N, C-alpha and C. Protein backbone atom coordinates (compact mmCIF):
# COMPACT_ATOMS: atom_id res chain seq x y z
N UNK A 1 250.77 -185.61 -31.87
CA UNK A 1 250.13 -185.27 -33.12
C UNK A 1 249.33 -183.97 -32.94
N UNK A 2 249.47 -183.08 -33.90
CA UNK A 2 248.77 -181.80 -33.85
C UNK A 2 247.34 -182.01 -34.35
N UNK A 3 246.39 -181.47 -33.60
CA UNK A 3 244.98 -181.58 -33.99
C UNK A 3 244.53 -180.31 -34.71
N UNK A 4 243.37 -180.38 -35.33
CA UNK A 4 242.81 -179.22 -36.01
C UNK A 4 242.61 -178.06 -35.02
N UNK A 5 242.26 -178.39 -33.81
CA UNK A 5 242.03 -177.34 -32.80
C UNK A 5 243.32 -176.61 -32.46
N UNK A 6 244.46 -177.32 -32.52
CA UNK A 6 245.74 -176.73 -32.15
C UNK A 6 246.17 -175.59 -33.07
N UNK A 7 245.74 -175.62 -34.32
CA UNK A 7 246.19 -174.60 -35.27
C UNK A 7 245.25 -173.38 -35.34
N UNK A 8 244.11 -173.48 -34.67
CA UNK A 8 243.15 -172.37 -34.68
C UNK A 8 243.59 -171.26 -33.75
N UNK A 9 243.30 -170.02 -34.14
CA UNK A 9 243.57 -168.92 -33.21
C UNK A 9 242.63 -169.01 -32.00
N UNK A 10 243.14 -168.59 -30.86
CA UNK A 10 242.30 -168.59 -29.66
C UNK A 10 241.63 -167.23 -29.53
N UNK A 11 240.32 -167.26 -29.36
CA UNK A 11 239.57 -166.04 -29.18
C UNK A 11 238.90 -166.09 -27.81
N UNK A 12 239.05 -165.06 -27.05
CA UNK A 12 238.44 -165.01 -25.73
C UNK A 12 237.13 -164.25 -25.80
N UNK A 13 236.08 -164.97 -26.13
CA UNK A 13 234.75 -164.38 -26.27
C UNK A 13 233.80 -165.07 -25.31
N UNK A 14 232.92 -164.29 -24.71
CA UNK A 14 231.94 -164.89 -23.81
C UNK A 14 230.74 -165.38 -24.61
N UNK A 15 230.07 -166.37 -24.06
CA UNK A 15 228.91 -166.97 -24.72
C UNK A 15 227.81 -167.20 -23.70
N UNK A 16 226.59 -166.87 -24.10
CA UNK A 16 225.46 -167.05 -23.20
C UNK A 16 224.68 -168.33 -23.49
N UNK A 17 224.71 -168.78 -24.73
CA UNK A 17 223.93 -169.96 -25.12
C UNK A 17 224.85 -171.00 -25.76
N UNK A 18 224.39 -172.24 -25.85
CA UNK A 18 225.21 -173.27 -26.53
C UNK A 18 225.52 -172.91 -27.99
N UNK A 19 224.55 -172.28 -28.69
CA UNK A 19 224.80 -171.88 -30.08
C UNK A 19 225.88 -170.80 -30.15
N UNK A 20 225.82 -169.83 -29.24
CA UNK A 20 226.86 -168.79 -29.19
C UNK A 20 228.21 -169.40 -28.84
N UNK A 21 228.20 -170.37 -27.94
CA UNK A 21 229.44 -171.03 -27.55
C UNK A 21 230.08 -171.72 -28.76
N UNK A 22 229.27 -172.46 -29.53
CA UNK A 22 229.78 -173.14 -30.72
C UNK A 22 230.30 -172.09 -31.73
N UNK A 23 229.56 -171.02 -31.88
CA UNK A 23 229.99 -169.95 -32.78
C UNK A 23 231.32 -169.37 -32.36
N UNK A 24 231.46 -169.05 -31.08
CA UNK A 24 232.66 -168.37 -30.59
C UNK A 24 233.86 -169.27 -30.38
N UNK A 25 233.62 -170.53 -30.07
CA UNK A 25 234.73 -171.47 -29.81
C UNK A 25 235.14 -172.26 -31.05
N UNK A 26 234.23 -172.40 -32.02
CA UNK A 26 234.51 -173.23 -33.19
C UNK A 26 234.46 -172.40 -34.49
N UNK A 27 233.31 -171.79 -34.77
CA UNK A 27 233.13 -171.15 -36.07
C UNK A 27 234.02 -169.92 -36.27
N UNK A 28 234.03 -169.02 -35.31
CA UNK A 28 234.85 -167.81 -35.46
C UNK A 28 236.34 -168.13 -35.61
N UNK A 29 236.91 -168.99 -34.76
CA UNK A 29 238.33 -169.32 -34.95
C UNK A 29 238.62 -169.98 -36.31
N UNK A 30 237.70 -170.82 -36.77
CA UNK A 30 237.91 -171.45 -38.08
C UNK A 30 237.88 -170.40 -39.18
N UNK A 31 236.91 -169.50 -39.16
CA UNK A 31 236.84 -168.47 -40.19
C UNK A 31 238.07 -167.55 -40.14
N UNK A 32 238.56 -167.27 -38.96
CA UNK A 32 239.78 -166.46 -38.84
C UNK A 32 240.97 -167.23 -39.41
N UNK A 33 241.08 -168.50 -39.07
CA UNK A 33 242.15 -169.35 -39.59
C UNK A 33 242.10 -169.43 -41.12
N UNK A 34 240.91 -169.53 -41.66
CA UNK A 34 240.70 -169.72 -43.09
C UNK A 34 240.55 -168.40 -43.85
N UNK A 35 240.87 -167.29 -43.22
CA UNK A 35 240.67 -165.97 -43.82
C UNK A 35 241.25 -165.88 -45.25
N UNK A 36 242.51 -166.23 -45.40
CA UNK A 36 243.15 -166.11 -46.71
C UNK A 36 242.47 -166.99 -47.76
N UNK A 37 242.08 -168.19 -47.36
CA UNK A 37 241.38 -169.10 -48.28
C UNK A 37 240.01 -168.54 -48.63
N UNK A 38 239.33 -167.97 -47.66
CA UNK A 38 238.03 -167.34 -47.89
C UNK A 38 238.15 -166.22 -48.94
N UNK A 39 239.15 -165.37 -48.79
CA UNK A 39 239.38 -164.27 -49.72
C UNK A 39 239.69 -164.82 -51.12
N UNK A 40 240.60 -165.76 -51.20
CA UNK A 40 240.98 -166.32 -52.49
C UNK A 40 239.80 -167.03 -53.16
N UNK A 41 239.01 -167.72 -52.38
CA UNK A 41 237.83 -168.42 -52.91
C UNK A 41 236.84 -167.42 -53.48
N UNK A 42 236.57 -166.36 -52.75
CA UNK A 42 235.62 -165.37 -53.24
C UNK A 42 236.14 -164.68 -54.49
N UNK A 43 237.42 -164.33 -54.51
CA UNK A 43 237.99 -163.69 -55.69
C UNK A 43 237.93 -164.63 -56.90
N UNK A 44 238.26 -165.89 -56.70
CA UNK A 44 238.21 -166.86 -57.79
C UNK A 44 236.78 -167.04 -58.30
N UNK A 45 235.85 -167.17 -57.37
CA UNK A 45 234.44 -167.34 -57.74
C UNK A 45 233.94 -166.12 -58.51
N UNK A 46 234.28 -164.92 -58.03
CA UNK A 46 233.80 -163.71 -58.71
C UNK A 46 234.41 -163.60 -60.11
N UNK A 47 235.65 -164.02 -60.29
CA UNK A 47 236.27 -164.02 -61.62
C UNK A 47 235.52 -164.96 -62.54
N UNK A 48 235.19 -166.15 -62.05
CA UNK A 48 234.45 -167.12 -62.86
C UNK A 48 233.05 -166.61 -63.20
N UNK A 49 232.49 -165.78 -62.33
CA UNK A 49 231.17 -165.20 -62.56
C UNK A 49 231.25 -163.94 -63.42
N UNK A 50 232.48 -163.59 -63.82
CA UNK A 50 232.74 -162.38 -64.62
C UNK A 50 232.30 -161.10 -63.90
N UNK A 51 232.50 -161.10 -62.59
CA UNK A 51 232.22 -159.93 -61.77
C UNK A 51 233.51 -159.13 -61.66
N UNK A 52 233.49 -157.90 -62.11
CA UNK A 52 234.67 -157.04 -62.06
C UNK A 52 234.70 -156.32 -60.71
N UNK A 53 235.43 -156.87 -59.79
CA UNK A 53 235.50 -156.29 -58.45
C UNK A 53 236.15 -154.91 -58.46
N UNK A 54 236.98 -154.64 -59.44
CA UNK A 54 237.63 -153.33 -59.51
C UNK A 54 236.64 -152.21 -59.81
N UNK A 55 235.48 -152.57 -60.37
CA UNK A 55 234.45 -151.58 -60.71
C UNK A 55 233.41 -151.39 -59.62
N UNK A 56 233.60 -152.04 -58.50
CA UNK A 56 232.58 -152.03 -57.44
C UNK A 56 233.04 -151.16 -56.28
N UNK A 57 232.12 -150.31 -55.79
CA UNK A 57 232.44 -149.54 -54.59
C UNK A 57 231.97 -150.33 -53.37
N UNK A 58 232.26 -149.81 -52.21
CA UNK A 58 231.98 -150.56 -50.98
C UNK A 58 230.49 -150.82 -50.77
N UNK A 59 229.65 -149.86 -51.09
CA UNK A 59 228.20 -150.07 -50.94
C UNK A 59 227.71 -151.16 -51.89
N UNK A 60 228.17 -151.11 -53.12
CA UNK A 60 227.79 -152.14 -54.09
C UNK A 60 228.34 -153.50 -53.70
N UNK A 61 229.49 -153.49 -53.04
CA UNK A 61 230.10 -154.75 -52.61
C UNK A 61 229.23 -155.44 -51.56
N UNK A 62 228.69 -154.67 -50.63
CA UNK A 62 227.81 -155.28 -49.62
C UNK A 62 226.59 -155.90 -50.31
N UNK A 63 226.03 -155.20 -51.27
CA UNK A 63 224.88 -155.72 -52.02
C UNK A 63 225.26 -156.98 -52.79
N UNK A 64 226.45 -156.98 -53.40
CA UNK A 64 226.94 -158.16 -54.10
C UNK A 64 227.05 -159.36 -53.16
N UNK A 65 227.59 -159.12 -51.98
CA UNK A 65 227.73 -160.20 -50.99
C UNK A 65 226.36 -160.75 -50.61
N UNK A 66 225.43 -159.87 -50.32
CA UNK A 66 224.08 -160.32 -49.93
C UNK A 66 223.44 -161.16 -51.04
N UNK A 67 223.49 -160.65 -52.25
CA UNK A 67 222.89 -161.38 -53.37
C UNK A 67 223.61 -162.70 -53.62
N UNK A 68 224.93 -162.67 -53.58
CA UNK A 68 225.71 -163.88 -53.85
C UNK A 68 225.40 -164.97 -52.83
N UNK A 69 225.36 -164.60 -51.57
CA UNK A 69 225.14 -165.59 -50.52
C UNK A 69 223.69 -166.07 -50.47
N UNK A 70 222.77 -165.25 -50.94
CA UNK A 70 221.37 -165.67 -50.88
C UNK A 70 220.94 -166.44 -52.13
N UNK A 71 221.60 -166.18 -53.25
CA UNK A 71 221.13 -166.78 -54.51
C UNK A 71 222.06 -167.81 -55.13
N UNK A 72 223.31 -167.83 -54.74
CA UNK A 72 224.27 -168.67 -55.44
C UNK A 72 224.72 -169.84 -54.57
N UNK A 73 224.26 -171.02 -54.93
CA UNK A 73 224.56 -172.22 -54.15
C UNK A 73 226.04 -172.58 -54.21
N UNK A 74 226.70 -172.24 -55.29
CA UNK A 74 228.12 -172.58 -55.43
C UNK A 74 228.95 -171.87 -54.37
N UNK A 75 228.80 -170.55 -54.24
CA UNK A 75 229.60 -169.83 -53.25
C UNK A 75 229.20 -170.25 -51.84
N UNK A 76 227.93 -170.51 -51.62
CA UNK A 76 227.48 -170.97 -50.30
C UNK A 76 228.16 -172.29 -49.94
N UNK A 77 228.17 -173.22 -50.89
CA UNK A 77 228.79 -174.53 -50.63
C UNK A 77 230.30 -174.43 -50.46
N UNK A 78 230.93 -173.54 -51.21
CA UNK A 78 232.37 -173.34 -51.03
C UNK A 78 232.68 -172.83 -49.62
N UNK A 79 231.91 -171.85 -49.16
CA UNK A 79 232.13 -171.29 -47.82
C UNK A 79 231.89 -172.35 -46.75
N UNK A 80 230.81 -173.12 -46.93
CA UNK A 80 230.54 -174.20 -45.96
C UNK A 80 231.67 -175.22 -45.96
N UNK A 81 232.16 -175.59 -47.13
CA UNK A 81 233.24 -176.57 -47.21
C UNK A 81 234.51 -176.10 -46.54
N UNK A 82 234.84 -174.83 -46.75
CA UNK A 82 236.03 -174.24 -46.13
C UNK A 82 235.91 -174.30 -44.60
N UNK A 83 234.71 -174.14 -44.10
CA UNK A 83 234.47 -174.12 -42.66
C UNK A 83 234.32 -175.52 -42.09
N UNK A 84 233.40 -176.28 -42.63
CA UNK A 84 233.09 -177.61 -42.09
C UNK A 84 234.30 -178.55 -42.20
N UNK A 85 235.10 -178.36 -43.23
CA UNK A 85 236.29 -179.19 -43.40
C UNK A 85 237.30 -179.06 -42.27
N UNK A 86 237.16 -178.03 -41.47
CA UNK A 86 238.06 -177.83 -40.33
C UNK A 86 237.48 -178.35 -39.00
N UNK A 87 236.27 -178.90 -39.04
CA UNK A 87 235.66 -179.45 -37.82
C UNK A 87 236.37 -180.72 -37.40
N UNK A 88 236.37 -180.96 -36.10
CA UNK A 88 236.72 -182.28 -35.60
C UNK A 88 235.47 -183.15 -35.71
N UNK A 89 235.60 -184.43 -35.50
CA UNK A 89 234.43 -185.32 -35.55
C UNK A 89 233.39 -184.91 -34.53
N UNK A 90 233.84 -184.56 -33.33
CA UNK A 90 232.91 -184.15 -32.27
C UNK A 90 232.17 -182.87 -32.65
N UNK A 91 232.89 -181.92 -33.21
CA UNK A 91 232.27 -180.66 -33.63
C UNK A 91 231.26 -180.90 -34.75
N UNK A 92 231.58 -181.81 -35.64
CA UNK A 92 230.64 -182.10 -36.73
C UNK A 92 229.34 -182.69 -36.19
N UNK A 93 229.43 -183.51 -35.16
CA UNK A 93 228.23 -184.07 -34.55
C UNK A 93 227.37 -182.97 -33.92
N UNK A 94 228.00 -182.01 -33.28
CA UNK A 94 227.27 -180.87 -32.71
C UNK A 94 226.65 -180.06 -33.85
N UNK A 95 227.42 -179.81 -34.88
CA UNK A 95 226.95 -179.05 -36.04
C UNK A 95 225.71 -179.68 -36.66
N UNK A 96 225.73 -180.98 -36.83
CA UNK A 96 224.61 -181.68 -37.47
C UNK A 96 223.29 -181.49 -36.74
N UNK A 97 223.35 -181.34 -35.43
CA UNK A 97 222.13 -181.20 -34.63
C UNK A 97 221.40 -179.89 -34.90
N UNK A 98 222.12 -178.87 -35.38
CA UNK A 98 221.51 -177.56 -35.61
C UNK A 98 222.15 -176.91 -36.84
N UNK A 99 222.30 -177.68 -37.90
CA UNK A 99 223.05 -177.23 -39.09
C UNK A 99 222.49 -175.95 -39.70
N UNK A 100 221.18 -175.83 -39.79
CA UNK A 100 220.64 -174.63 -40.45
C UNK A 100 220.99 -173.36 -39.67
N UNK A 101 220.94 -173.41 -38.35
CA UNK A 101 221.31 -172.25 -37.54
C UNK A 101 222.81 -171.96 -37.67
N UNK A 102 223.63 -173.00 -37.63
CA UNK A 102 225.07 -172.78 -37.75
C UNK A 102 225.45 -172.31 -39.15
N UNK A 103 224.77 -172.80 -40.17
CA UNK A 103 225.02 -172.31 -41.53
C UNK A 103 224.70 -170.83 -41.63
N UNK A 104 223.59 -170.42 -41.04
CA UNK A 104 223.21 -169.01 -41.04
C UNK A 104 224.31 -168.18 -40.38
N UNK A 105 224.82 -168.66 -39.27
CA UNK A 105 225.89 -167.94 -38.57
C UNK A 105 227.18 -167.92 -39.39
N UNK A 106 227.51 -169.03 -40.04
CA UNK A 106 228.70 -169.08 -40.89
C UNK A 106 228.60 -168.04 -42.00
N UNK A 107 227.45 -168.00 -42.68
CA UNK A 107 227.28 -167.07 -43.79
C UNK A 107 227.32 -165.62 -43.31
N UNK A 108 226.70 -165.34 -42.19
CA UNK A 108 226.71 -163.98 -41.65
C UNK A 108 228.14 -163.54 -41.33
N UNK A 109 228.88 -164.40 -40.67
CA UNK A 109 230.26 -164.05 -40.30
C UNK A 109 231.16 -163.98 -41.53
N UNK A 110 230.98 -164.88 -42.48
CA UNK A 110 231.80 -164.87 -43.70
C UNK A 110 231.53 -163.61 -44.52
N UNK A 111 230.27 -163.23 -44.65
CA UNK A 111 229.93 -162.00 -45.39
C UNK A 111 230.58 -160.79 -44.72
N UNK A 112 230.50 -160.73 -43.39
CA UNK A 112 231.09 -159.60 -42.68
C UNK A 112 232.61 -159.59 -42.84
N UNK A 113 233.22 -160.77 -42.76
CA UNK A 113 234.67 -160.87 -42.92
C UNK A 113 235.08 -160.42 -44.32
N UNK A 114 234.33 -160.85 -45.33
CA UNK A 114 234.63 -160.42 -46.70
C UNK A 114 234.43 -158.91 -46.86
N UNK A 115 233.33 -158.40 -46.31
CA UNK A 115 233.06 -156.96 -46.40
C UNK A 115 234.19 -156.16 -45.73
N UNK A 116 234.61 -156.60 -44.57
CA UNK A 116 235.68 -155.91 -43.86
C UNK A 116 237.01 -155.99 -44.61
N UNK A 117 237.11 -156.94 -45.54
CA UNK A 117 238.34 -157.14 -46.32
C UNK A 117 238.20 -156.58 -47.73
N UNK A 118 237.26 -155.68 -47.91
CA UNK A 118 236.98 -155.11 -49.24
C UNK A 118 238.24 -154.63 -49.95
N UNK A 119 239.06 -153.84 -49.28
CA UNK A 119 240.27 -153.30 -49.91
C UNK A 119 241.23 -154.43 -50.31
N UNK A 120 241.35 -155.41 -49.45
CA UNK A 120 242.22 -156.56 -49.74
C UNK A 120 241.69 -157.35 -50.94
N UNK A 121 240.38 -157.48 -51.04
CA UNK A 121 239.77 -158.23 -52.14
C UNK A 121 239.92 -157.47 -53.45
N UNK A 122 239.72 -156.18 -53.44
CA UNK A 122 239.84 -155.38 -54.67
C UNK A 122 241.28 -155.34 -55.17
N UNK A 123 242.23 -155.34 -54.25
CA UNK A 123 243.64 -155.26 -54.60
C UNK A 123 244.08 -156.55 -55.32
N UNK A 124 244.89 -156.42 -56.30
CA UNK A 124 245.46 -157.57 -57.01
C UNK A 124 244.40 -158.49 -57.61
N UNK A 125 243.25 -157.96 -57.93
CA UNK A 125 242.23 -158.80 -58.55
C UNK A 125 242.48 -158.84 -60.06
N UNK A 126 242.41 -160.02 -60.63
CA UNK A 126 242.71 -160.18 -62.04
C UNK A 126 241.49 -160.06 -62.93
N UNK A 127 240.36 -159.65 -62.38
CA UNK A 127 239.16 -159.56 -63.23
C UNK A 127 239.10 -158.23 -63.95
């Protein structure tokens, strides 16, 4: 039987602390695996918010990401769901012990991933 871990990309990153280890061995591979879903989720959410991504330049996009992730519980919960839903039971137990720190890391990495995908997000947007 194939496990959730089997479908994740392998990243060879060093870690100095247990939190970094969880980030590099669990969170980063999940976000990379879920890249397309992350993009589609953000585009769908922005359409529902009536945000015209075609009218936004890269600087404004970073500001939009910061505001969206800090003020909008819907997009935050969507991103968390996309990520946490890929945890194994053991990983979820580790996550629960330091959820606020891991959530912060998830949001930071997701924002950066979205920012780095600016051209991909603007392309084919129906807003």
